[in-house]
């Protein structure tokens, strides 16, 4: 993405605010099922790899 971070994005620490700042829309929907757990760390990745074996 070539947009620079917006002032509000820096304050709130939400990258979604950049899209809104530049006049775009964000679409959301209600989840019909509980999403799986996130993979945010190396330990998470190893856990997922082990589950897939």
N, C-alpha and C. Protein backbone atom coordinates (compact mmCIF):
# COMPACT_ATOMS: atom_id res chain seq x y z
N UNK A 1 0.85 -1.16 0.00
CA UNK A 1 0.00 0.00 0.00
C UNK A 1 0.90 1.23 0.00
N UNK A 2 0.58 2.20 -0.79
CA UNK A 2 1.42 3.38 -0.90
C UNK A 2 0.96 4.53 -0.01
N UNK A 3 -0.15 4.39 0.68
CA UNK A 3 -0.61 5.46 1.57
C UNK A 3 0.27 5.55 2.80
N UNK A 4 0.57 6.78 3.19
CA UNK A 4 1.31 7.01 4.43
C UNK A 4 0.38 6.81 5.62
N UNK A 5 0.90 6.37 6.75
CA UNK A 5 0.05 6.24 7.94
C UNK A 5 -0.57 7.59 8.30
N UNK A 6 -1.82 7.55 8.71
CA UNK A 6 -2.54 8.78 9.07
C UNK A 6 -2.24 9.16 10.51
N UNK A 7 -2.44 10.42 10.87
CA UNK A 7 -2.24 10.84 12.27
C UNK A 7 -3.10 10.02 13.23
N UNK A 8 -4.35 9.77 12.86
CA UNK A 8 -5.25 9.01 13.73
C UNK A 8 -4.77 7.57 13.90
N UNK A 9 -4.22 7.01 12.84
CA UNK A 9 -3.67 5.65 12.92
C UNK A 9 -2.55 5.58 13.95
N UNK A 10 -1.69 6.60 13.97
CA UNK A 10 -0.60 6.64 14.94
C UNK A 10 -1.13 6.73 16.37
N UNK A 11 -2.17 7.51 16.56
CA UNK A 11 -2.73 7.70 17.91
C UNK A 11 -3.40 6.42 18.40
N UNK A 12 -4.25 5.85 17.56
CA UNK A 12 -5.06 4.70 17.98
C UNK A 12 -4.38 3.35 17.76
N UNK A 13 -3.30 3.34 16.95
CA UNK A 13 -2.58 2.10 16.64
C UNK A 13 -3.48 1.07 15.95
N UNK A 14 -4.31 1.55 15.01
CA UNK A 14 -5.19 0.68 14.23
C UNK A 14 -4.94 0.96 12.75
N UNK A 15 -4.37 -0.01 12.04
CA UNK A 15 -4.06 0.21 10.62
C UNK A 15 -5.31 0.36 9.77
N UNK A 16 -6.46 -0.13 10.25
CA UNK A 16 -7.71 0.02 9.50
C UNK A 16 -8.08 1.50 9.33
N UNK A 17 -7.65 2.33 10.25
CA UNK A 17 -7.99 3.75 10.18
C UNK A 17 -7.34 4.43 8.98
N UNK A 18 -6.25 3.87 8.47
CA UNK A 18 -5.60 4.44 7.28
C UNK A 18 -6.55 4.40 6.09
N UNK A 19 -7.23 3.29 5.92
CA UNK A 19 -8.17 3.13 4.81
C UNK A 19 -9.28 4.16 4.91
N UNK A 20 -9.84 4.31 6.10
CA UNK A 20 -10.92 5.29 6.30
C UNK A 20 -10.42 6.71 6.11
N UNK A 21 -9.23 7.00 6.58
CA UNK A 21 -8.64 8.34 6.47
C UNK A 21 -8.54 8.76 5.00
N UNK A 22 -8.21 7.81 4.13
CA UNK A 22 -8.06 8.10 2.71
C UNK A 22 -9.36 7.94 1.93
N UNK A 23 -10.48 7.86 2.63
CA UNK A 23 -11.79 7.91 1.99
C UNK A 23 -12.34 6.60 1.47
N UNK A 24 -11.71 5.51 1.79
CA UNK A 24 -12.21 4.21 1.35
C UNK A 24 -13.19 3.64 2.37
N UNK A 25 -13.87 2.57 2.00
CA UNK A 25 -14.82 1.91 2.88
C UNK A 25 -14.25 0.60 3.39
N UNK A 26 -14.68 0.22 4.57
CA UNK A 26 -14.34 -1.09 5.13
C UNK A 26 -15.65 -1.83 5.30
N UNK A 27 -15.71 -3.04 4.79
CA UNK A 27 -16.91 -3.86 4.91
C UNK A 27 -16.69 -4.89 6.01
N UNK A 28 -17.71 -5.08 6.82
CA UNK A 28 -17.64 -6.07 7.89
C UNK A 28 -18.87 -6.96 7.83
N UNK A 29 -18.78 -8.10 8.44
CA UNK A 29 -19.91 -9.03 8.51
C UNK A 29 -19.85 -9.78 9.83
N UNK A 30 -20.98 -10.28 10.23
CA UNK A 30 -21.05 -11.08 11.44
C UNK A 30 -20.60 -12.50 11.12
N UNK A 31 -19.69 -13.03 11.92
CA UNK A 31 -19.21 -14.39 11.70
C UNK A 31 -20.29 -15.39 12.06
N UNK A 32 -20.46 -16.40 11.21
CA UNK A 32 -21.45 -17.44 11.47
C UNK A 32 -20.87 -18.59 12.28
N UNK A 33 -19.57 -18.61 12.42
CA UNK A 33 -18.90 -19.65 13.20
C UNK A 33 -17.74 -19.01 13.95
N UNK A 34 -17.34 -19.63 15.02
CA UNK A 34 -16.21 -19.14 15.79
C UNK A 34 -14.93 -19.37 14.99
N UNK A 35 -14.14 -18.31 14.76
CA UNK A 35 -12.90 -18.50 13.99
C UNK A 35 -11.88 -19.28 14.80
N UNK A 36 -10.94 -19.87 14.10
CA UNK A 36 -9.88 -20.61 14.78
C UNK A 36 -8.94 -19.66 15.51
N UNK A 37 -8.00 -20.23 16.24
CA UNK A 37 -7.05 -19.40 16.97
C UNK A 37 -6.07 -18.77 16.00
N UNK A 38 -5.52 -17.64 16.38
CA UNK A 38 -4.58 -16.92 15.54
C UNK A 38 -3.20 -17.54 15.56
N UNK A 39 -2.42 -17.20 14.56
CA UNK A 39 -1.02 -17.61 14.49
C UNK A 39 -0.22 -16.33 14.45
N UNK A 40 0.24 -15.90 15.64
CA UNK A 40 0.90 -14.61 15.78
C UNK A 40 2.36 -14.71 16.23
N UNK A 41 2.76 -15.86 16.69
CA UNK A 41 4.12 -16.02 17.20
C UNK A 41 4.73 -17.29 16.62
N UNK A 42 6.03 -17.43 16.82
CA UNK A 42 6.71 -18.64 16.37
C UNK A 42 6.16 -19.87 17.10
N UNK A 43 5.82 -19.70 18.38
CA UNK A 43 5.24 -20.82 19.14
C UNK A 43 3.88 -21.22 18.56
N UNK A 44 3.08 -20.23 18.17
CA UNK A 44 1.78 -20.52 17.55
C UNK A 44 1.98 -21.31 16.26
N UNK A 45 2.95 -20.89 15.46
CA UNK A 45 3.22 -21.57 14.20
C UNK A 45 3.63 -23.02 14.44
N UNK A 46 4.46 -23.23 15.43
CA UNK A 46 4.89 -24.60 15.74
C UNK A 46 3.71 -25.44 16.20
N UNK A 47 2.80 -24.86 16.99
CA UNK A 47 1.60 -25.58 17.44
C UNK A 47 0.76 -26.00 16.25
N UNK A 48 0.56 -25.10 15.30
CA UNK A 48 -0.25 -25.41 14.12
C UNK A 48 0.43 -26.48 13.28
N UNK A 49 1.72 -26.36 13.11
CA UNK A 49 2.45 -27.38 12.34
C UNK A 49 2.30 -28.76 12.98
N UNK A 50 2.37 -28.80 14.31
CA UNK A 50 2.22 -30.08 15.02
C UNK A 50 0.81 -30.63 14.83
N UNK A 51 -0.19 -29.77 14.85
CA UNK A 51 -1.58 -30.22 14.66
C UNK A 51 -1.81 -30.76 13.26
N UNK A 52 -1.05 -30.27 12.28
CA UNK A 52 -1.25 -30.69 10.89
C UNK A 52 -0.51 -31.98 10.56
N UNK A 53 0.35 -32.42 11.45
CA UNK A 53 1.11 -33.67 11.19
C UNK A 53 0.25 -34.87 11.38
